[in-house]
Amino acid sequence: MDVADRLTLRPREAAKRLGVSQKTLWSWTQPRGPIPCVRLGRTVLYPVDALQRWLSQASGSAAPEFAATWITAPAAEEQQ
């Protein structure tokens, strides 16, 4: 399954799509921050629809600048 078609992303994939480091993504992840995640044992997954909702609601930060690109275009590495 192509990453662009998946319902959830692993932390590395989500951080790459958001254009931030994994450490930044982790600091933004609930309960510390506003981004929701799903935890299955030790596995952390980010629902794509939740990330898109968060991006559309984000204001006063860099998030809106890349929201349209993130939602419509997969990362270059993933297109291969």
PDB file of N, CA and C in Angstrom:
ATOM      1  N   MET A   1       0.843  -1.180   0.000  1.00  0.00           N
ATOM      2  CA  MET A   1       0.000   0.000   0.000  1.00  0.00           C
ATOM      3  C   MET A   1       0.887   1.242   0.000  1.00  0.00           C
ATOM      4  N   ASP A   2       0.563   2.173  -0.835  1.00  0.00           N
ATOM      5  CA  ASP A   2       1.298   3.428  -0.939  1.00  0.00           C
ATOM      6  C   ASP A   2       1.038   4.282   0.298  1.00  0.00           C
ATOM      7  N   VAL A   3       2.057   4.974   0.752  1.00  0.00           N
ATOM      8  CA  VAL A   3       1.931   5.817   1.951  1.00  0.00           C
ATOM      9  C   VAL A   3       0.822   6.846   1.772  1.00  0.00           C
ATOM     10  N   ALA A   4       0.636   7.357   0.552  1.00  0.00           N
ATOM     11  CA  ALA A   4      -0.386   8.368   0.303  1.00  0.00           C
ATOM     12  C   ALA A   4      -1.798   7.814   0.506  1.00  0.00           C
ATOM     13  N   ASP A   5      -1.973   6.490   0.432  1.00  0.00           N
ATOM     14  CA  ASP A   5      -3.287   5.867   0.564  1.00  0.00           C
ATOM     15  C   ASP A   5      -3.581   5.364   1.971  1.00  0.00           C
ATOM     16  N   ARG A   6      -2.624   5.461   2.878  1.00  0.00           N
ATOM     17  CA  ARG A   6      -2.791   4.904   4.218  1.00  0.00           C
ATOM     18  C   ARG A   6      -3.638   5.801   5.104  1.00  0.00           C
ATOM     19  N   LEU A   7      -4.243   5.190   6.103  1.00  0.00           N
ATOM     20  CA  LEU A   7      -5.071   5.926   7.056  1.00  0.00           C
ATOM     21  C   LEU A   7      -4.265   6.472   8.222  1.00  0.00           C
ATOM     22  N   THR A   8      -3.107   5.859   8.493  1.00  0.00           N
ATOM     23  CA  THR A   8      -2.246   6.312   9.584  1.00  0.00           C
ATOM     24  C   THR A   8      -0.806   6.400   9.101  1.00  0.00           C
ATOM     25  N   LEU A   9      -0.024   7.209   9.803  1.00  0.00           N
ATOM     26  CA  LEU A   9       1.396   7.363   9.497  1.00  0.00           C
ATOM     27  C   LEU A   9       2.204   7.078  10.753  1.00  0.00           C
ATOM     28  N   ARG A  10       3.359   6.490  10.575  1.00  0.00           N
ATOM     29  CA  ARG A  10       4.299   6.311  11.685  1.00  0.00           C
ATOM     30  C   ARG A  10       4.946   7.671  11.952  1.00  0.00           C
ATOM     31  N   PRO A  11       5.571   7.848  13.116  1.00  0.00           N
ATOM     32  CA  PRO A  11       6.151   9.151  13.459  1.00  0.00           C
ATOM     33  C   PRO A  11       7.112   9.705  12.407  1.00  0.00           C
ATOM     34  N   ARG A  12       7.989   8.883  11.864  1.00  0.00           N
ATOM     35  CA  ARG A  12       8.940   9.364  10.858  1.00  0.00           C
ATOM     36  C   ARG A  12       8.208   9.898   9.625  1.00  0.00           C
ATOM     37  N   GLU A  13       7.187   9.179   9.174  1.00  0.00           N
ATOM     38  CA  GLU A  13       6.424   9.588   7.994  1.00  0.00           C
ATOM     39  C   GLU A  13       5.636  10.866   8.276  1.00  0.00           C
ATOM     40  N   ALA A  14       5.000  10.930   9.443  1.00  0.00           N
ATOM     41  CA  ALA A  14       4.211  12.111   9.804  1.00  0.00           C
ATOM     42  C   ALA A  14       5.101  13.347   9.921  1.00  0.00           C
ATOM     43  N   ALA A  15       6.255  13.204  10.563  1.00  0.00           N
ATOM     44  CA  ALA A  15       7.177  14.336  10.710  1.00  0.00           C
ATOM     45  C   ALA A  15       7.653  14.820   9.348  1.00  0.00           C
ATOM     46  N   LYS A  16       7.973  13.885   8.474  1.00  0.00           N
ATOM     47  CA  LYS A  16       8.434  14.259   7.132  1.00  0.00           C
ATOM     48  C   LYS A  16       7.332  15.001   6.383  1.00  0.00           C
ATOM     49  N   ARG A  17       6.100  14.514   6.486  1.00  0.00           N
ATOM     50  CA  ARG A  17       4.981  15.157   5.811  1.00  0.00           C
ATOM     51  C   ARG A  17       4.722  16.555   6.364  1.00  0.00           C
ATOM     52  N   LEU A  18       4.926  16.730   7.670  1.00  0.00           N
ATOM     53  CA  LEU A  18       4.705  18.034   8.298  1.00  0.00           C
ATOM     54  C   LEU A  18       5.889  18.973   8.135  1.00  0.00           C
ATOM     55  N   GLY A  19       7.031  18.429   7.721  1.00  0.00           N
ATOM     56  CA  GLY A  19       8.220  19.256   7.533  1.00  0.00           C
ATOM     57  C   GLY A  19       8.896  19.633   8.839  1.00  0.00           C
ATOM     58  N   VAL A  20       8.761  18.770   9.836  1.00  0.00           N
ATOM     59  CA  VAL A  20       9.380  19.018  11.139  1.00  0.00           C
ATOM     60  C   VAL A  20      10.179  17.785  11.548  1.00  0.00           C
ATOM     61  N   SER A  21      10.985  17.927  12.583  1.00  0.00           N
ATOM     62  CA  SER A  21      11.738  16.780  13.090  1.00  0.00           C
ATOM     63  C   SER A  21      10.803  15.876  13.892  1.00  0.00           C
ATOM     64  N   GLN A  22      11.240  14.649  14.100  1.00  0.00           N
ATOM     65  CA  GLN A  22      10.450  13.732  14.921  1.00  0.00           C
ATOM     66  C   GLN A  22      10.343  14.249  16.355  1.00  0.00           C
ATOM     67  N   LYS A  23      11.396  14.896  16.829  1.00  0.00           N
ATOM     68  CA  LYS A  23      11.381  15.451  18.188  1.00  0.00           C
ATOM     69  C   LYS A  23      10.311  16.542  18.305  1.00  0.00           C
ATOM     70  N   THR A  24      10.210  17.406  17.287  1.00  0.00           N
ATOM     71  CA  THR A  24       9.186  18.450  17.294  1.00  0.00           C
ATOM     72  C   THR A  24       7.800  17.829  17.241  1.00  0.00           C
ATOM     73  N   LEU A  25       7.621  16.852  16.365  1.00  0.00           N
ATOM     74  CA  LEU A  25       6.331  16.167  16.281  1.00  0.00           C
ATOM     75  C   LEU A  25       5.967  15.564  17.632  1.00  0.00           C
ATOM     76  N   TRP A  26       6.923  14.939  18.290  1.00  0.00           N
ATOM     77  CA  TRP A  26       6.668  14.332  19.595  1.00  0.00           C
ATOM     78  C   TRP A  26       6.228  15.384  20.613  1.00  0.00           C
ATOM     79  N   SER A  27       6.855  16.561  20.572  1.00  0.00           N
ATOM     80  CA  SER A  27       6.474  17.613  21.526  1.00  0.00           C
ATOM     81  C   SER A  27       5.080  18.169  21.214  1.00  0.00           C
ATOM     82  N   TRP A  28       4.639  18.032  19.969  1.00  0.00           N
ATOM     83  CA  TRP A  28       3.304  18.489  19.567  1.00  0.00           C
ATOM     84  C   TRP A  28       2.241  17.420  19.790  1.00  0.00           C
ATOM     85  N   THR A  29       2.650  16.207  20.146  1.00  0.00           N
ATOM     86  CA  THR A  29       1.718  15.090  20.285  1.00  0.00           C
ATOM     87  C   THR A  29       1.023  15.122  21.639  1.00  0.00           C
ATOM     88  N   GLN A  30      -0.268  14.820  21.650  1.00  0.00           N
ATOM     89  CA  GLN A  30      -1.022  14.771  22.903  1.00  0.00           C
ATOM     90  C   GLN A  30      -0.422  13.730  23.830  1.00  0.00           C
ATOM     91  N   PRO A  31      -0.384  13.926  25.111  1.00  0.00           N
ATOM     92  CA  PRO A  31      -1.053  14.974  25.871  1.00  0.00           C
ATOM     93  C   PRO A  31      -0.253  16.263  26.007  1.00  0.00           C
ATOM     94  N   ARG A  32       0.986  16.299  25.511  1.00  0.00           N
ATOM     95  CA  ARG A  32       1.809  17.514  25.629  1.00  0.00           C
ATOM     96  C   ARG A  32       1.353  18.605  24.670  1.00  0.00           C
ATOM     97  N   GLY A  33       0.875  18.221  23.527  1.00  0.00           N
ATOM     98  CA  GLY A  33       0.519  19.187  22.502  1.00  0.00           C
ATOM     99  C   GLY A  33      -0.816  18.854  21.860  1.00  0.00           C
ATOM    100  N   PRO A  34      -1.146  19.551  20.778  1.00  0.00           N
ATOM    101  CA  PRO A  34      -2.474  19.440  20.181  1.00  0.00           C
ATOM    102  C   PRO A  34      -2.676  18.304  19.172  1.00  0.00           C
ATOM    103  N   ILE A  35      -1.619  17.635  18.733  1.00  0.00           N
ATOM    104  CA  ILE A  35      -1.772  16.633  17.680  1.00  0.00           C
ATOM    105  C   ILE A  35      -2.149  15.283  18.289  1.00  0.00           C
ATOM    106  N   PRO A  36      -3.285  14.721  17.852  1.00  0.00           N
ATOM    107  CA  PRO A  36      -3.700  13.424  18.381  1.00  0.00           C
ATOM    108  C   PRO A  36      -2.916  12.275  17.764  1.00  0.00           C
ATOM    109  N   CYS A  37      -2.787  11.210  18.517  1.00  0.00           N
ATOM    110  CA  CYS A  37      -2.147  10.000  18.006  1.00  0.00           C
ATOM    111  C   CYS A  37      -2.876   8.792  18.569  1.00  0.00           C
ATOM    112  N   VAL A  38      -2.580   7.653  17.985  1.00  0.00           N
ATOM    113  CA  VAL A  38      -3.129   6.387  18.449  1.00  0.00           C
ATOM    114  C   VAL A  38      -1.956   5.557  18.928  1.00  0.00           C
ATOM    115  N   ARG A  39      -2.067   4.999  20.109  1.00  0.00           N
ATOM    116  CA  ARG A  39      -0.999   4.158  20.653  1.00  0.00           C
ATOM    117  C   ARG A  39      -1.494   2.718  20.715  1.00  0.00           C
ATOM    118  N   LEU A  40      -0.727   1.843  20.078  1.00  0.00           N
ATOM    119  CA  LEU A  40      -1.001   0.408  20.109  1.00  0.00           C
ATOM    120  C   LEU A  40       0.217  -0.255  20.724  1.00  0.00           C
ATOM    121  N   GLY A  41       0.176  -0.469  22.016  1.00  0.00           N
ATOM    122  CA  GLY A  41       1.359  -0.951  22.718  1.00  0.00           C
ATOM    123  C   GLY A  41       2.434   0.123  22.663  1.00  0.00           C
ATOM    124  N   ARG A  42       3.590  -0.226  22.115  1.00  0.00           N
ATOM    125  CA  ARG A  42       4.691   0.745  21.991  1.00  0.00           C
ATOM    126  C   ARG A  42       4.654   1.487  20.664  1.00  0.00           C
ATOM    127  N   THR A  43       3.725   1.117  19.788  1.00  0.00           N
ATOM    128  CA  THR A  43       3.633   1.736  18.468  1.00  0.00           C
ATOM    129  C   THR A  43       2.777   2.991  18.537  1.00  0.00           C
ATOM    130  N   VAL A  44       3.285   4.079  17.971  1.00  0.00           N
ATOM    131  CA  VAL A  44       2.547   5.337  17.896  1.00  0.00           C
ATOM    132  C   VAL A  44       2.200   5.575  16.434  1.00  0.00           C
ATOM    133  N   LEU A  45       0.925   5.843  16.172  1.00  0.00           N
ATOM    134  CA  LEU A  45       0.455   6.112  14.820  1.00  0.00           C
ATOM    135  C   LEU A  45      -0.310   7.429  14.812  1.00  0.00           C
ATOM    136  N   TYR A  46      -0.207   8.142  13.704  1.00  0.00           N
ATOM    137  CA  TYR A  46      -0.907   9.412  13.538  1.00  0.00           C
ATOM    138  C   TYR A  46      -1.957   9.253  12.450  1.00  0.00           C
ATOM    139  N   PRO A  47      -3.249   9.362  12.794  1.00  0.00           N
ATOM    140  CA  PRO A  47      -4.288   9.276  11.777  1.00  0.00           C
ATOM    141  C   PRO A  47      -4.170  10.449  10.797  1.00  0.00           C
ATOM    142  N   VAL A  48      -4.168  10.139   9.511  1.00  0.00           N
ATOM    143  CA  VAL A  48      -4.008  11.169   8.482  1.00  0.00           C
ATOM    144  C   VAL A  48      -5.123  12.200   8.583  1.00  0.00           C
ATOM    145  N   ASP A  49      -6.363  11.769   8.771  1.00  0.00           N
ATOM    146  CA  ASP A  49      -7.461  12.732   8.848  1.00  0.00           C
ATOM    147  C   ASP A  49      -7.324  13.661  10.055  1.00  0.00           C
ATOM    148  N   ALA A  50      -6.808  13.152  11.167  1.00  0.00           N
ATOM    149  CA  ALA A  50      -6.601  13.999  12.351  1.00  0.00           C
ATOM    150  C   ALA A  50      -5.500  15.027  12.100  1.00  0.00           C
ATOM    151  N   LEU A  51      -4.435  14.618  11.409  1.00  0.00           N
ATOM    152  CA  LEU A  51      -3.366  15.567  11.070  1.00  0.00           C
ATOM    153  C   LEU A  51      -3.888  16.646  10.132  1.00  0.00           C
ATOM    154  N   GLN A  52      -4.709  16.261   9.169  1.00  0.00           N
ATOM    155  CA  GLN A  52      -5.270  17.243   8.240  1.00  0.00           C
ATOM    156  C   GLN A  52      -6.186  18.223   8.964  1.00  0.00           C
ATOM    157  N   ARG A  53      -7.006  17.715   9.887  1.00  0.00           N
ATOM    158  CA  ARG A  53      -7.871  18.607  10.678  1.00  0.00           C
ATOM    159  C   ARG A  53      -7.042  19.571  11.509  1.00  0.00           C
ATOM    160  N   TRP A  54      -5.980  19.058  12.146  1.00  0.00           N
ATOM    161  CA  TRP A  54      -5.125  19.916  12.962  1.00  0.00           C
ATOM    162  C   TRP A  54      -4.491  21.004  12.106  1.00  0.00           C
ATOM    163  N   LEU A  55      -4.014  20.635  10.924  1.00  0.00           N
ATOM    164  CA  LEU A  55      -3.400  21.625  10.042  1.00  0.00           C
ATOM    165  C   LEU A  55      -4.399  22.693   9.622  1.00  0.00           C
ATOM    166  N   SER A  56      -5.628  22.297   9.328  1.00  0.00           N
ATOM    167  CA  SER A  56      -6.623  23.273   8.896  1.00  0.00           C
ATOM    168  C   SER A  56      -7.035  24.202  10.040  1.00  0.00           C
ATOM    169  N   GLN A  57      -6.920  23.732  11.277  1.00  0.00           N
ATOM    170  CA  GLN A  57      -7.278  24.553  12.435  1.00  0.00           C
ATOM    171  C   GLN A  57      -6.117  25.390  12.963  1.00  0.00           C
ATOM    172  N   ALA A  58      -4.898  25.013  12.590  1.00  0.00           N
ATOM    173  CA  ALA A  58      -3.721  25.724  13.108  1.00  0.00           C
ATOM    174  C   ALA A  58      -3.732  27.164  12.597  1.00  0.00           C
ATOM    175  N   SER A  59      -3.448  28.069  13.497  1.00  0.00           N
ATOM    176  CA  SER A  59      -3.370  29.470  13.091  1.00  0.00           C
ATOM    177  C   SER A  59      -2.265  30.149  13.886  1.00  0.00           C
ATOM    178  N   GLY A  60      -1.656  31.161  13.274  1.00  0.00           N
ATOM    179  CA  GLY A  60      -0.601  31.891  13.956  1.00  0.00           C
ATOM    180  C   GLY A  60       0.699  31.131  14.060  1.00  0.00           C
ATOM    181  N   SER A  61       0.883  30.132  13.197  1.00  0.00           N
ATOM    182  CA  SER A  61       2.127  29.363  13.208  1.00  0.00           C
ATOM    183  C   SER A  61       2.515  29.051  11.772  1.00  0.00           C
ATOM    184  N   ALA A  62       3.584  28.302  11.601  1.00  0.00           N
ATOM    185  CA  ALA A  62       4.047  27.945  10.264  1.00  0.00           C
ATOM    186  C   ALA A  62       3.173  26.875   9.627  1.00  0.00           C
ATOM    187  N   ALA A  63       2.351  26.196  10.395  1.00  0.00           N
ATOM    188  CA  ALA A  63       1.569  25.067   9.891  1.00  0.00           C
ATOM    189  C   ALA A  63       0.738  25.397   8.650  1.00  0.00           C
ATOM    190  N   PRO A  64      -0.022  26.505   8.595  1.00  0.00           N
ATOM    191  CA  PRO A  64      -0.833  26.756   7.412  1.00  0.00           C
ATOM    192  C   PRO A  64      -0.022  26.909   6.129  1.00  0.00           C
ATOM    193  N   GLU A  65       1.235  27.322   6.233  1.00  0.00           N
ATOM    194  CA  GLU A  65       2.052  27.530   5.045  1.00  0.00           C
ATOM    195  C   GLU A  65       2.269  26.249   4.264  1.00  0.00           C
ATOM    196  N   PHE A  66       2.367  25.127   4.944  1.00  0.00           N
ATOM    197  CA  PHE A  66       2.608  23.885   4.229  1.00  0.00           C
ATOM    198  C   PHE A  66       1.412  22.944   4.258  1.00  0.00           C
ATOM    199  N   ALA A  67       0.301  23.375   4.804  1.00  0.00           N
ATOM    200  CA  ALA A  67      -0.863  22.498   4.907  1.00  0.00           C
ATOM    201  C   ALA A  67      -1.358  22.041   3.543  1.00  0.00           C
ATOM    202  N   ALA A  68      -1.508  22.955   2.602  1.00  0.00           N
ATOM    203  CA  ALA A  68      -2.016  22.578   1.287  1.00  0.00           C
ATOM    204  C   ALA A  68      -1.080  21.610   0.589  1.00  0.00           C
ATOM    205  N   THR A  69       0.212  21.830   0.691  1.00  0.00           N
ATOM    206  CA  THR A  69       1.186  20.936   0.074  1.00  0.00           C
ATOM    207  C   THR A  69       1.124  19.572   0.724  1.00  0.00           C
ATOM    208  N   TRP A  70       1.049  19.518   2.018  1.00  0.00           N
ATOM    209  CA  TRP A  70       1.035  18.240   2.721  1.00  0.00           C
ATOM    210  C   TRP A  70      -0.200  17.434   2.363  1.00  0.00           C
ATOM    211  N   ILE A  71      -1.333  18.090   2.287  1.00  0.00           N
ATOM    212  CA  ILE A  71      -2.587  17.388   2.041  1.00  0.00           C
ATOM    213  C   ILE A  71      -2.649  16.849   0.619  1.00  0.00           C
ATOM    214  N   THR A  72      -2.100  17.571  -0.346  1.00  0.00           N
ATOM    215  CA  THR A  72      -2.271  17.181  -1.743  1.00  0.00           C
ATOM    216  C   THR A  72      -1.107  16.438  -2.350  1.00  0.00           C
ATOM    217  N   ALA A  73       0.102  16.538  -1.798  1.00  0.00           N
ATOM    218  CA  ALA A  73       1.270  15.931  -2.434  1.00  0.00           C
ATOM    219  C   ALA A  73       2.046  15.065  -1.454  1.00  0.00           C
ATOM    220  N   PRO A  74       2.266  13.787  -1.812  1.00  0.00           N
ATOM    221  CA  PRO A  74       3.109  12.954  -0.954  1.00  0.00           C
ATOM    222  C   PRO A  74       4.551  13.416  -1.014  1.00  0.00           C
ATOM    223  N   ALA A  75       5.325  13.065  -0.006  1.00  0.00           N
ATOM    224  CA  ALA A  75       6.743  13.422   0.025  1.00  0.00           C
ATOM    225  C   ALA A  75       7.441  12.841  -1.196  1.00  0.00           C
ATOM    226  N   ALA A  76       8.451  13.538  -1.705  1.00  0.00           N
ATOM    227  CA  ALA A  76       9.152  13.133  -2.922  1.00  0.00           C
ATOM    228  C   ALA A  76       9.681  11.712  -2.824  1.00  0.00           C
ATOM    229  N   GLU A  77      10.215  11.347  -1.684  1.00  0.00           N
ATOM    230  CA  GLU A  77      10.772  10.011  -1.484  1.00  0.00           C
ATOM    231  C   GLU A  77       9.692   8.942  -1.612  1.00  0.00           C
ATOM    232  N   GLU A  78       8.481   9.262  -1.210  1.00  0.00           N
ATOM    233  CA  GLU A  78       7.397   8.300  -1.228  1.00  0.00           C
ATOM    234  C   GLU A  78       6.826   8.098  -2.624  1.00  0.00           C
ATOM    235  N   GLN A  79       7.072   9.010  -3.547  1.00  0.00           N
ATOM    236  CA  GLN A  79       6.559   8.900  -4.900  1.00  0.00           C
ATOM    237  C   GLN A  79       7.312   7.873  -5.717  1.00  0.00           C
ATOM    238  N   GLN A  80       8.494   7.473  -5.283  1.00  0.00           N
ATOM    239  CA  GLN A  80       9.309   6.529  -6.036  1.00  0.00           C
ATOM    240  C   GLN A  80       8.761   5.142  -5.969  1.00  0.00           C
TER     241      GLN A  80
END
